[in-house]
């Protein structure tokens, strides 16, 4: 379904009840293919129709892995906003983003911020800036950005958002947290804050 890249066809299939979480023999879903192809519109459609953002293929790669590896910032944001688990990816999305040699510094910083704001535990790895500095061709502006983000003090408000997101991710079994969040008796402003 997400393999073709044809947004109109995918929309029709979804409107007729296509199952969004069907997996191929190697356990990939339409969301894996749409992410891999960088098709933001199809990713959005699949997620809004209940695609599980945390299903892993046979290599244990979830769609967020491909978004980080291939530098699809908008798709990474959609996946994270819908409950992508930063810790359910083989090799880790943060490491994948760091190892990508073809990514521009400003894009690397954007992905880094998306992951940190969603709860990536950057504070627990004090040696990360030194590790980054030793990587060939690592831009020092990115290293400085990571150092700055490590020094950021998490506010109680941010910690609560991260905890609520984590609980919602666990309760939705990998499907979009937006639906679960909309069922809670919370003001819209608070719902938007929790999403990111």
N, C-alpha and C. Protein backbone atom coordinates (compact mmCIF):
# COMPACT_ATOMS: atom_id res chain seq x y z
N UNK A 1 0.83 -1.19 0.00
CA UNK A 1 0.00 0.00 0.00
C UNK A 1 0.87 1.25 0.00
N UNK A 2 1.81 1.40 0.95
CA UNK A 2 2.68 2.58 1.01
C UNK A 2 3.85 2.46 0.07
N UNK A 3 3.97 1.33 -0.60
CA UNK A 3 5.10 1.05 -1.46
C UNK A 3 5.04 1.84 -2.76
N UNK A 4 3.84 2.08 -3.28
CA UNK A 4 3.69 2.69 -4.58
C UNK A 4 3.95 4.19 -4.57
N UNK A 5 3.65 4.85 -3.48
CA UNK A 5 3.84 6.29 -3.42
C UNK A 5 2.67 7.06 -3.99
N UNK A 6 1.60 6.38 -4.40
CA UNK A 6 0.46 7.05 -4.96
C UNK A 6 -0.53 7.40 -3.86
N UNK A 7 -0.54 8.65 -3.48
CA UNK A 7 -1.34 9.12 -2.35
C UNK A 7 -2.83 8.88 -2.55
N UNK A 8 -3.33 9.13 -3.75
CA UNK A 8 -4.77 8.96 -4.01
C UNK A 8 -5.20 7.50 -3.88
N UNK A 9 -4.39 6.59 -4.39
CA UNK A 9 -4.72 5.17 -4.29
C UNK A 9 -4.71 4.73 -2.83
N UNK A 10 -3.71 5.17 -2.09
CA UNK A 10 -3.63 4.81 -0.67
C UNK A 10 -4.85 5.35 0.07
N UNK A 11 -5.24 6.57 -0.24
CA UNK A 11 -6.41 7.17 0.40
C UNK A 11 -7.67 6.34 0.12
N UNK A 12 -7.85 5.92 -1.13
CA UNK A 12 -9.01 5.09 -1.48
C UNK A 12 -8.98 3.76 -0.75
N UNK A 13 -7.82 3.13 -0.73
CA UNK A 13 -7.69 1.84 -0.04
C UNK A 13 -8.04 1.98 1.44
N UNK A 14 -7.55 3.03 2.05
CA UNK A 14 -7.83 3.26 3.47
C UNK A 14 -9.32 3.53 3.70
N UNK A 15 -9.92 4.30 2.80
CA UNK A 15 -11.35 4.59 2.93
C UNK A 15 -12.21 3.33 2.78
N UNK A 16 -11.70 2.34 2.05
CA UNK A 16 -12.42 1.08 1.88
C UNK A 16 -12.01 0.04 2.92
N UNK A 17 -11.27 0.48 3.94
CA UNK A 17 -10.99 -0.41 5.06
C UNK A 17 -9.74 -1.26 4.96
N UNK A 18 -8.79 -0.87 4.13
CA UNK A 18 -7.54 -1.64 4.04
C UNK A 18 -6.89 -1.73 5.42
N UNK A 19 -6.33 -2.88 5.71
CA UNK A 19 -5.67 -3.08 7.00
C UNK A 19 -4.26 -2.49 6.94
N UNK A 20 -4.01 -1.50 7.79
CA UNK A 20 -2.76 -0.75 7.71
C UNK A 20 -1.57 -1.47 8.35
N UNK A 21 -1.82 -2.46 9.17
CA UNK A 21 -0.71 -3.12 9.87
C UNK A 21 -0.36 -4.50 9.33
N UNK A 22 -0.83 -4.81 8.12
CA UNK A 22 -0.46 -6.08 7.48
C UNK A 22 1.04 -6.05 7.21
N UNK A 23 1.70 -7.18 7.50
CA UNK A 23 3.15 -7.25 7.32
C UNK A 23 3.53 -8.20 6.19
N UNK A 24 4.62 -7.85 5.50
CA UNK A 24 5.17 -8.71 4.45
C UNK A 24 5.91 -9.87 5.12
N UNK A 25 6.51 -10.74 4.31
CA UNK A 25 7.26 -11.87 4.87
C UNK A 25 8.42 -11.41 5.74
N UNK A 26 9.01 -10.26 5.41
CA UNK A 26 10.10 -9.74 6.24
C UNK A 26 9.58 -8.76 7.31
N UNK A 27 8.28 -8.82 7.55
CA UNK A 27 7.58 -8.11 8.63
C UNK A 27 7.52 -6.59 8.43
N UNK A 28 7.64 -6.13 7.20
CA UNK A 28 7.50 -4.70 6.94
C UNK A 28 6.03 -4.37 6.67
N UNK A 29 5.66 -3.15 7.02
CA UNK A 29 4.29 -2.68 6.80
C UNK A 29 4.31 -1.56 5.76
N UNK A 30 3.12 -1.12 5.38
CA UNK A 30 3.01 0.02 4.47
C UNK A 30 3.70 1.24 5.06
N UNK A 31 3.66 1.38 6.38
CA UNK A 31 4.31 2.52 7.03
C UNK A 31 5.83 2.44 6.89
N UNK A 32 6.39 1.25 6.96
CA UNK A 32 7.83 1.08 6.71
C UNK A 32 8.18 1.58 5.31
N UNK A 33 7.41 1.11 4.31
CA UNK A 33 7.70 1.48 2.93
C UNK A 33 7.50 2.97 2.68
N UNK A 34 6.42 3.54 3.19
CA UNK A 34 6.17 4.97 2.99
C UNK A 34 7.26 5.81 3.64
N UNK A 35 7.71 5.38 4.81
CA UNK A 35 8.80 6.09 5.49
C UNK A 35 10.08 5.97 4.69
N UNK A 36 10.40 4.76 4.29
CA UNK A 36 11.62 4.50 3.53
C UNK A 36 11.66 5.32 2.24
N UNK A 37 10.49 5.50 1.62
CA UNK A 37 10.40 6.29 0.39
C UNK A 37 10.32 7.79 0.64
N UNK A 38 10.15 8.18 1.90
CA UNK A 38 10.07 9.59 2.24
C UNK A 38 8.75 10.24 1.87
N UNK A 39 7.68 9.45 1.81
CA UNK A 39 6.39 9.98 1.41
C UNK A 39 5.60 10.44 2.64
N UNK A 40 5.77 11.70 2.97
CA UNK A 40 5.18 12.28 4.17
C UNK A 40 3.66 12.19 4.16
N UNK A 41 3.03 12.45 3.02
CA UNK A 41 1.56 12.42 2.95
C UNK A 41 1.02 11.02 3.25
N UNK A 42 1.64 10.01 2.70
CA UNK A 42 1.17 8.64 2.94
C UNK A 42 1.44 8.24 4.38
N UNK A 43 2.59 8.63 4.92
CA UNK A 43 2.87 8.34 6.33
C UNK A 43 1.77 8.94 7.20
N UNK A 44 1.41 10.18 6.94
CA UNK A 44 0.36 10.86 7.71
C UNK A 44 -0.97 10.13 7.58
N UNK A 45 -1.32 9.72 6.37
CA UNK A 45 -2.58 9.00 6.16
C UNK A 45 -2.59 7.67 6.91
N UNK A 46 -1.50 6.92 6.80
CA UNK A 46 -1.43 5.62 7.46
C UNK A 46 -1.55 5.76 8.98
N UNK A 47 -0.83 6.73 9.52
CA UNK A 47 -0.86 6.94 10.97
C UNK A 47 -2.26 7.36 11.42
N UNK A 48 -2.89 8.23 10.64
CA UNK A 48 -4.23 8.68 11.03
C UNK A 48 -5.27 7.57 10.91
N UNK A 49 -4.94 6.50 10.18
CA UNK A 49 -5.83 5.34 10.08
C UNK A 49 -5.39 4.20 11.00
N UNK A 50 -4.55 4.51 11.98
CA UNK A 50 -4.23 3.53 13.01
C UNK A 50 -2.99 2.69 12.78
N UNK A 51 -2.11 3.09 11.86
CA UNK A 51 -0.89 2.32 11.65
C UNK A 51 -0.07 2.28 12.94
N UNK A 52 0.46 1.13 13.24
CA UNK A 52 1.30 0.95 14.43
C UNK A 52 2.68 1.53 14.11
N UNK A 53 3.02 2.62 14.78
CA UNK A 53 4.29 3.32 14.49
C UNK A 53 5.49 2.59 15.07
N UNK A 54 5.26 1.55 15.85
CA UNK A 54 6.37 0.84 16.50
C UNK A 54 6.57 -0.59 16.02
N UNK A 55 5.85 -1.03 14.99
CA UNK A 55 6.08 -2.38 14.48
C UNK A 55 7.48 -2.47 13.90
N UNK A 56 8.18 -3.52 14.24
CA UNK A 56 9.54 -3.72 13.76
C UNK A 56 9.56 -4.79 12.68
N UNK A 57 10.46 -4.61 11.72
CA UNK A 57 10.62 -5.63 10.69
C UNK A 57 11.54 -6.73 11.20
N UNK A 58 11.92 -7.65 10.34
CA UNK A 58 12.74 -8.79 10.79
C UNK A 58 14.12 -8.36 11.28
N UNK A 59 14.57 -7.18 10.90
CA UNK A 59 15.85 -6.65 11.38
C UNK A 59 15.67 -5.82 12.65
N UNK A 60 14.46 -5.80 13.17
CA UNK A 60 14.08 -5.04 14.37
C UNK A 60 14.11 -3.53 14.14
N UNK A 61 13.89 -3.12 12.90
CA UNK A 61 13.86 -1.70 12.57
C UNK A 61 12.41 -1.24 12.46
N UNK A 62 12.09 -0.21 13.22
CA UNK A 62 10.78 0.43 13.16
C UNK A 62 10.86 1.58 12.15
N UNK A 63 9.74 2.12 11.70
CA UNK A 63 9.77 3.23 10.74
C UNK A 63 10.63 4.41 11.20
N UNK A 64 10.68 4.68 12.50
CA UNK A 64 11.48 5.81 12.98
C UNK A 64 12.96 5.63 12.66
N UNK A 65 13.42 4.39 12.63
CA UNK A 65 14.81 4.12 12.25
C UNK A 65 15.08 4.67 10.85
N UNK A 66 14.17 4.37 9.91
CA UNK A 66 14.38 4.83 8.53
C UNK A 66 14.28 6.35 8.44
N UNK A 67 13.38 6.94 9.18
CA UNK A 67 13.26 8.40 9.16
C UNK A 67 14.57 9.04 9.63
N UNK A 68 15.18 8.48 10.68
CA UNK A 68 16.44 9.02 11.20
C UNK A 68 17.58 8.74 10.23
N UNK A 69 17.64 7.53 9.72
CA UNK A 69 18.73 7.13 8.83
C UNK A 69 18.72 7.92 7.52
N UNK A 70 17.53 8.16 6.99
CA UNK A 70 17.41 8.82 5.69
C UNK A 70 17.13 10.31 5.80
N UNK A 71 17.17 10.84 7.02
CA UNK A 71 17.06 12.28 7.24
C UNK A 71 15.70 12.84 6.83
N UNK A 72 14.64 12.14 7.19
CA UNK A 72 13.29 12.61 6.92
C UNK A 72 12.74 13.25 8.19
N UNK A 73 13.05 14.52 8.35
CA UNK A 73 12.71 15.23 9.59
C UNK A 73 11.21 15.30 9.80
N UNK A 74 10.46 15.65 8.77
CA UNK A 74 9.01 15.78 8.90
C UNK A 74 8.37 14.44 9.28
N UNK A 75 8.84 13.37 8.66
CA UNK A 75 8.31 12.04 8.97
C UNK A 75 8.69 11.64 10.39
N UNK A 76 9.92 11.93 10.79
CA UNK A 76 10.34 11.63 12.17
C UNK A 76 9.43 12.35 13.15
N UNK A 77 9.12 13.59 12.86
CA UNK A 77 8.24 14.37 13.75
C UNK A 77 6.85 13.73 13.82
N UNK A 78 6.30 13.34 12.68
CA UNK A 78 4.97 12.70 12.65
C UNK A 78 4.99 11.42 13.48
N UNK A 79 6.02 10.60 13.28
CA UNK A 79 6.10 9.33 14.01
C UNK A 79 6.24 9.55 15.51
N UNK A 80 7.08 10.50 15.90
CA UNK A 80 7.28 10.78 17.32
C UNK A 80 6.00 11.37 17.93
N UNK A 81 5.36 12.28 17.21
CA UNK A 81 4.11 12.87 17.71
C UNK A 81 3.02 11.83 17.89
N UNK A 82 3.14 10.73 17.17
CA UNK A 82 2.13 9.68 17.26
C UNK A 82 2.59 8.49 18.09
N UNK A 83 3.64 8.70 18.88
CA UNK A 83 4.02 7.69 19.86
C UNK A 83 5.14 6.76 19.48
N UNK A 84 5.94 7.10 18.48
CA UNK A 84 7.07 6.23 18.15
C UNK A 84 7.97 6.12 19.37
N UNK A 85 8.32 4.90 19.69
CA UNK A 85 9.15 4.61 20.84
C UNK A 85 10.61 4.77 20.45
N UNK A 86 11.30 5.70 21.08
CA UNK A 86 12.70 5.97 20.75
C UNK A 86 13.61 4.82 21.14
N UNK A 87 13.14 3.93 21.98
CA UNK A 87 13.97 2.84 22.48
C UNK A 87 13.64 1.50 21.86
N UNK A 88 12.74 1.46 20.87
CA UNK A 88 12.35 0.16 20.32
C UNK A 88 13.05 -0.12 19.00
N UNK A 89 14.12 0.58 18.72
CA UNK A 89 14.77 0.45 17.43
C UNK A 89 16.13 -0.20 17.58
N UNK A 90 16.39 -1.20 16.76
CA UNK A 90 17.70 -1.84 16.73
C UNK A 90 18.73 -0.77 16.37
N UNK A 91 19.79 -0.65 17.12
CA UNK A 91 20.87 0.32 16.92
C UNK A 91 20.50 1.73 17.39
N UNK A 92 19.26 1.98 17.71
CA UNK A 92 18.87 3.27 18.27
C UNK A 92 18.78 4.37 17.24
N UNK A 93 17.71 5.14 17.31
CA UNK A 93 17.50 6.21 16.35
C UNK A 93 18.52 7.33 16.53
N UNK A 94 18.92 7.59 17.75
CA UNK A 94 19.88 8.66 17.98
C UNK A 94 21.23 8.29 17.35
N UNK A 95 21.67 7.05 17.57
CA UNK A 95 22.93 6.58 17.00
C UNK A 95 22.86 6.58 15.47
N UNK A 96 21.73 6.17 14.95
CA UNK A 96 21.53 6.14 13.51
C UNK A 96 21.66 7.54 12.91
N UNK A 97 21.06 8.51 13.58
CA UNK A 97 21.13 9.90 13.13
C UNK A 97 22.57 10.42 13.20
N UNK A 98 23.29 10.02 14.23
CA UNK A 98 24.68 10.44 14.39
C UNK A 98 25.56 9.85 13.30
N UNK A 99 25.33 8.58 12.98
CA UNK A 99 26.17 7.87 12.01
C UNK A 99 25.90 8.27 10.56
N UNK A 100 24.81 8.96 10.30
CA UNK A 100 24.46 9.36 8.94
C UNK A 100 25.44 10.43 8.47
N UNK A 101 26.30 10.07 7.52
CA UNK A 101 27.34 10.99 7.04
C UNK A 101 26.80 12.03 6.06
N UNK A 102 25.64 11.77 5.49
CA UNK A 102 25.09 12.64 4.45
C UNK A 102 24.15 13.72 4.98
N UNK A 103 24.00 13.80 6.27
CA UNK A 103 23.04 14.73 6.86
C UNK A 103 23.69 16.09 7.13
N UNK A 104 22.98 17.15 6.81
CA UNK A 104 23.48 18.50 7.10
C UNK A 104 23.38 18.76 8.60
N UNK A 105 24.25 19.61 9.10
CA UNK A 105 24.29 19.90 10.54
C UNK A 105 22.96 20.40 11.06
N UNK A 106 22.32 21.32 10.35
CA UNK A 106 21.05 21.86 10.84
C UNK A 106 19.96 20.78 10.89
N UNK A 107 20.01 19.84 9.95
CA UNK A 107 19.04 18.73 9.97
C UNK A 107 19.34 17.77 11.12
N UNK A 108 20.62 17.53 11.35
CA UNK A 108 21.02 16.66 12.47
C UNK A 108 20.56 17.28 13.80
N UNK A 109 20.70 18.60 13.91
CA UNK A 109 20.26 19.31 15.12
C UNK A 109 18.74 19.21 15.26
N UNK A 110 18.01 19.36 14.16
CA UNK A 110 16.54 19.25 14.21
C UNK A 110 16.11 17.87 14.68
N UNK A 111 16.70 16.82 14.11
CA UNK A 111 16.36 15.45 14.53
C UNK A 111 16.73 15.24 16.00
N UNK A 112 17.90 15.72 16.38
CA UNK A 112 18.36 15.61 17.76
C UNK A 112 17.33 16.23 18.71
N UNK A 113 16.86 17.42 18.38
CA UNK A 113 15.89 18.11 19.23
C UNK A 113 14.55 17.37 19.29
N UNK A 114 14.11 16.82 18.16
CA UNK A 114 12.86 16.05 18.15
C UNK A 114 12.98 14.88 19.12
N UNK A 115 14.10 14.16 19.04
CA UNK A 115 14.29 12.98 19.89
C UNK A 115 14.42 13.35 21.36
N UNK A 116 15.17 14.40 21.65
CA UNK A 116 15.35 14.82 23.05
C UNK A 116 14.03 15.32 23.64
N UNK A 117 13.30 16.13 22.87
CA UNK A 117 12.03 16.66 23.36
C UNK A 117 11.00 15.55 23.60
N UNK A 118 11.16 14.44 22.87
CA UNK A 118 10.24 13.31 23.05
C UNK A 118 10.68 12.38 24.17
N UNK A 119 11.85 12.67 24.76
CA UNK A 119 12.27 11.88 25.91
C UNK A 119 13.53 11.06 25.74
N UNK A 120 14.28 11.27 24.65
CA UNK A 120 15.54 10.54 24.52
C UNK A 120 16.44 10.92 25.70
N UNK A 121 16.99 9.94 26.41
CA UNK A 121 17.74 10.22 27.65
C UNK A 121 19.16 10.72 27.41
N UNK A 122 19.28 11.89 26.84
CA UNK A 122 20.60 12.45 26.53
C UNK A 122 21.40 12.74 27.79
N UNK A 123 20.71 13.00 28.89
CA UNK A 123 21.40 13.33 30.14
C UNK A 123 22.12 12.14 30.74
N UNK A 124 21.74 10.93 30.34
CA UNK A 124 22.33 9.73 30.96
C UNK A 124 23.64 9.32 30.30
N UNK A 125 24.07 10.01 29.26
CA UNK A 125 25.31 9.65 28.57
C UNK A 125 26.25 10.85 28.57
N UNK A 126 26.97 11.02 29.66
CA UNK A 126 27.85 12.19 29.80
C UNK A 126 29.03 12.15 28.84
N UNK A 127 29.39 10.98 28.33
CA UNK A 127 30.54 10.89 27.42
C UNK A 127 30.16 11.12 25.96
N UNK A 128 28.88 11.37 25.68
CA UNK A 128 28.44 11.54 24.30
C UNK A 128 29.20 12.62 23.54
N UNK A 129 29.41 13.82 24.09
CA UNK A 129 30.16 14.83 23.34
C UNK A 129 31.58 14.37 22.97
N UNK A 130 32.24 13.65 23.87
CA UNK A 130 33.59 13.15 23.56
C UNK A 130 33.53 12.10 22.45
N UNK A 131 32.53 11.24 22.51
CA UNK A 131 32.36 10.23 21.46
C UNK A 131 32.12 10.91 20.12
N UNK A 132 31.27 11.92 20.12
CA UNK A 132 30.97 12.65 18.88
C UNK A 132 32.20 13.35 18.34
N UNK A 133 33.00 13.95 19.22
CA UNK A 133 34.20 14.68 18.79
C UNK A 133 35.20 13.78 18.09
N UNK A 134 35.21 12.50 18.46
CA UNK A 134 36.16 11.57 17.85
C UNK A 134 35.69 11.02 16.50
N UNK A 135 34.45 11.26 16.16
CA UNK A 135 33.93 10.76 14.88
C UNK A 135 34.47 11.63 13.75
N UNK A 136 34.97 10.98 12.69
CA UNK A 136 35.48 11.76 11.56
C UNK A 136 34.37 12.59 10.92
N UNK A 137 34.70 13.78 10.54
CA UNK A 137 33.78 14.70 9.86
C UNK A 137 32.57 15.12 10.69
N UNK A 138 32.64 14.97 12.00
CA UNK A 138 31.52 15.40 12.85
C UNK A 138 31.62 16.91 13.04
N UNK A 139 30.57 17.61 12.68
CA UNK A 139 30.53 19.05 12.78
C UNK A 139 30.55 19.47 14.26
N UNK A 140 31.44 20.37 14.60
CA UNK A 140 31.58 20.81 15.99
C UNK A 140 30.37 21.61 16.48
N UNK A 141 29.63 22.21 15.55
CA UNK A 141 28.40 22.91 15.96
C UNK A 141 27.39 21.92 16.52
N UNK A 142 27.34 20.73 15.93
CA UNK A 142 26.43 19.70 16.45
C UNK A 142 26.91 19.22 17.82
N UNK A 143 28.21 19.02 17.97
CA UNK A 143 28.77 18.58 19.25
C UNK A 143 28.43 19.61 20.33
N UNK A 144 28.60 20.90 20.01
CA UNK A 144 28.27 21.96 20.98
C UNK A 144 26.78 21.96 21.31
N UNK A 145 25.97 21.70 20.30
CA UNK A 145 24.52 21.65 20.53
C UNK A 145 24.17 20.52 21.50
N UNK A 146 24.77 19.36 21.30
CA UNK A 146 24.53 18.22 22.20
C UNK A 146 24.98 18.57 23.62
N UNK A 147 26.15 19.20 23.73
CA UNK A 147 26.63 19.60 25.06
C UNK A 147 25.64 20.56 25.73
N UNK A 148 25.15 21.52 24.97
CA UNK A 148 24.19 22.48 25.50
C UNK A 148 22.91 21.78 25.95
N UNK A 149 22.41 20.86 25.12
CA UNK A 149 21.17 20.15 25.47
C UNK A 149 21.38 19.26 26.70
N UNK A 150 22.60 18.74 26.87
CA UNK A 150 22.87 17.93 28.06
C UNK A 150 22.84 18.78 29.32
N UNK A 151 23.19 20.05 29.19
CA UNK A 151 23.20 20.94 30.35
C UNK A 151 21.81 21.50 30.66
N UNK A 152 20.90 21.38 29.69
CA UNK A 152 19.53 21.84 29.94
C UNK A 152 18.95 21.08 31.12
N UNK A 153 18.34 21.82 32.00
CA UNK A 153 17.68 21.19 33.14
C UNK A 153 16.25 20.89 32.72
N UNK A 154 15.86 19.63 32.87
CA UNK A 154 14.48 19.27 32.55
C UNK A 154 13.55 19.88 33.58
N UNK A 155 12.59 20.61 33.10
CA UNK A 155 11.60 21.18 34.02
C UNK A 155 10.63 20.08 34.45
N UNK A 156 9.95 20.32 35.52
CA UNK A 156 8.95 19.36 35.98
C UNK A 156 7.89 19.16 34.90
N UNK A 157 7.56 20.24 34.21
CA UNK A 157 6.58 20.18 33.13
C UNK A 157 7.05 19.24 32.02
N UNK A 158 8.32 19.35 31.63
CA UNK A 158 8.87 18.48 30.59
C UNK A 158 8.93 17.03 31.04
N UNK A 159 9.34 16.81 32.28
CA UNK A 159 9.41 15.44 32.80
C UNK A 159 8.02 14.80 32.83
N UNK A 160 7.03 15.58 33.22
CA UNK A 160 5.66 15.06 33.25
C UNK A 160 5.19 14.70 31.84
N UNK A 161 5.48 15.57 30.87
CA UNK A 161 5.10 15.29 29.48
C UNK A 161 5.74 14.00 29.01
N UNK A 162 7.02 13.83 29.29
CA UNK A 162 7.73 12.62 28.87
C UNK A 162 7.13 11.38 29.53
N UNK A 163 6.82 11.48 30.81
CA UNK A 163 6.23 10.33 31.53
C UNK A 163 4.85 9.99 30.98
N UNK A 164 4.03 11.01 30.71
CA UNK A 164 2.70 10.76 30.16
C UNK A 164 2.81 10.14 28.77
N UNK A 165 3.71 10.68 27.94
CA UNK A 165 3.94 10.10 26.60
C UNK A 165 4.34 8.63 26.71
N UNK A 166 5.27 8.35 27.61
CA UNK A 166 5.75 6.98 27.79
C UNK A 166 4.59 6.05 28.16
N UNK A 167 3.76 6.48 29.09
CA UNK A 167 2.61 5.66 29.51
C UNK A 167 1.62 5.46 28.36
N UNK A 168 1.36 6.52 27.60
CA UNK A 168 0.44 6.40 26.47
C UNK A 168 0.99 5.45 25.42
N UNK A 169 2.28 5.52 25.16
CA UNK A 169 2.91 4.61 24.19
C UNK A 169 2.72 3.17 24.64
N UNK A 170 2.92 2.92 25.93
CA UNK A 170 2.75 1.56 26.47
C UNK A 170 1.29 1.10 26.35
N UNK A 171 0.36 2.00 26.59
CA UNK A 171 -1.07 1.64 26.60
C UNK A 171 -1.66 1.47 25.21
N UNK A 172 -1.04 2.05 24.19
CA UNK A 172 -1.60 1.98 22.84
C UNK A 172 -0.99 0.85 22.02
N UNK A 173 -0.08 0.10 22.58
CA UNK A 173 0.57 -1.00 21.86
C UNK A 173 1.16 -0.57 20.53
N UNK A 174 1.72 0.62 20.49
CA UNK A 174 2.41 1.09 19.30
C UNK A 174 1.56 1.88 18.34
N UNK A 175 0.27 1.91 18.54
CA UNK A 175 -0.58 2.70 17.65
C UNK A 175 -0.54 4.16 18.09
N UNK A 176 -1.11 5.01 17.30
CA UNK A 176 -1.05 6.45 17.55
C UNK A 176 -1.55 6.81 18.95
N UNK A 177 -0.77 7.65 19.62
CA UNK A 177 -1.19 8.10 20.95
C UNK A 177 -2.23 9.21 20.85
N UNK A 178 -2.39 9.79 19.67
CA UNK A 178 -3.37 10.87 19.50
C UNK A 178 -4.78 10.41 19.86
N UNK A 179 -5.16 9.23 19.39
CA UNK A 179 -6.50 8.72 19.66
C UNK A 179 -6.74 8.51 21.14
N UNK A 180 -5.76 7.91 21.81
CA UNK A 180 -5.87 7.66 23.24
C UNK A 180 -5.93 8.98 24.00
N UNK A 181 -5.10 9.93 23.58
CA UNK A 181 -5.04 11.22 24.24
C UNK A 181 -6.35 11.99 24.10
N UNK A 182 -6.97 11.88 22.92
CA UNK A 182 -8.22 12.62 22.69
C UNK A 182 -9.36 12.07 23.55
N UNK A 183 -9.22 10.84 24.06
CA UNK A 183 -10.25 10.25 24.92
C UNK A 183 -10.13 10.72 26.37
N UNK A 184 -9.00 11.30 26.70
CA UNK A 184 -8.79 11.76 28.07
C UNK A 184 -9.44 13.13 28.28
N UNK A 185 -9.99 13.38 29.47
CA UNK A 185 -10.64 14.67 29.73
C UNK A 185 -9.61 15.76 30.02
N UNK A 186 -8.86 16.11 28.97
CA UNK A 186 -7.81 17.13 29.11
C UNK A 186 -8.10 18.29 28.18
N UNK A 187 -7.72 19.50 28.57
CA UNK A 187 -7.86 20.64 27.66
C UNK A 187 -7.02 20.41 26.39
N UNK A 188 -7.50 20.92 25.28
CA UNK A 188 -6.82 20.75 23.98
C UNK A 188 -5.38 21.25 24.05
N UNK A 189 -5.15 22.35 24.74
CA UNK A 189 -3.81 22.90 24.87
C UNK A 189 -2.86 21.90 25.52
N UNK A 190 -3.33 21.22 26.55
CA UNK A 190 -2.51 20.21 27.23
C UNK A 190 -2.30 19.00 26.34
N UNK A 191 -3.32 18.59 25.60
CA UNK A 191 -3.17 17.47 24.67
C UNK A 191 -2.09 17.78 23.63
N UNK A 192 -2.12 18.99 23.08
CA UNK A 192 -1.12 19.39 22.09
C UNK A 192 0.28 19.42 22.69
N UNK A 193 0.39 19.84 23.93
CA UNK A 193 1.70 19.88 24.60
C UNK A 193 2.25 18.47 24.78
N UNK A 194 1.40 17.54 25.15
CA UNK A 194 1.85 16.16 25.37
C UNK A 194 2.31 15.54 24.05
N UNK A 195 1.60 15.84 22.97
CA UNK A 195 1.98 15.29 21.67
C UNK A 195 3.36 15.78 21.28
N UNK A 196 3.67 16.98 21.52
CA UNK A 196 4.94 17.68 21.32
C UNK A 196 4.60 19.04 20.82
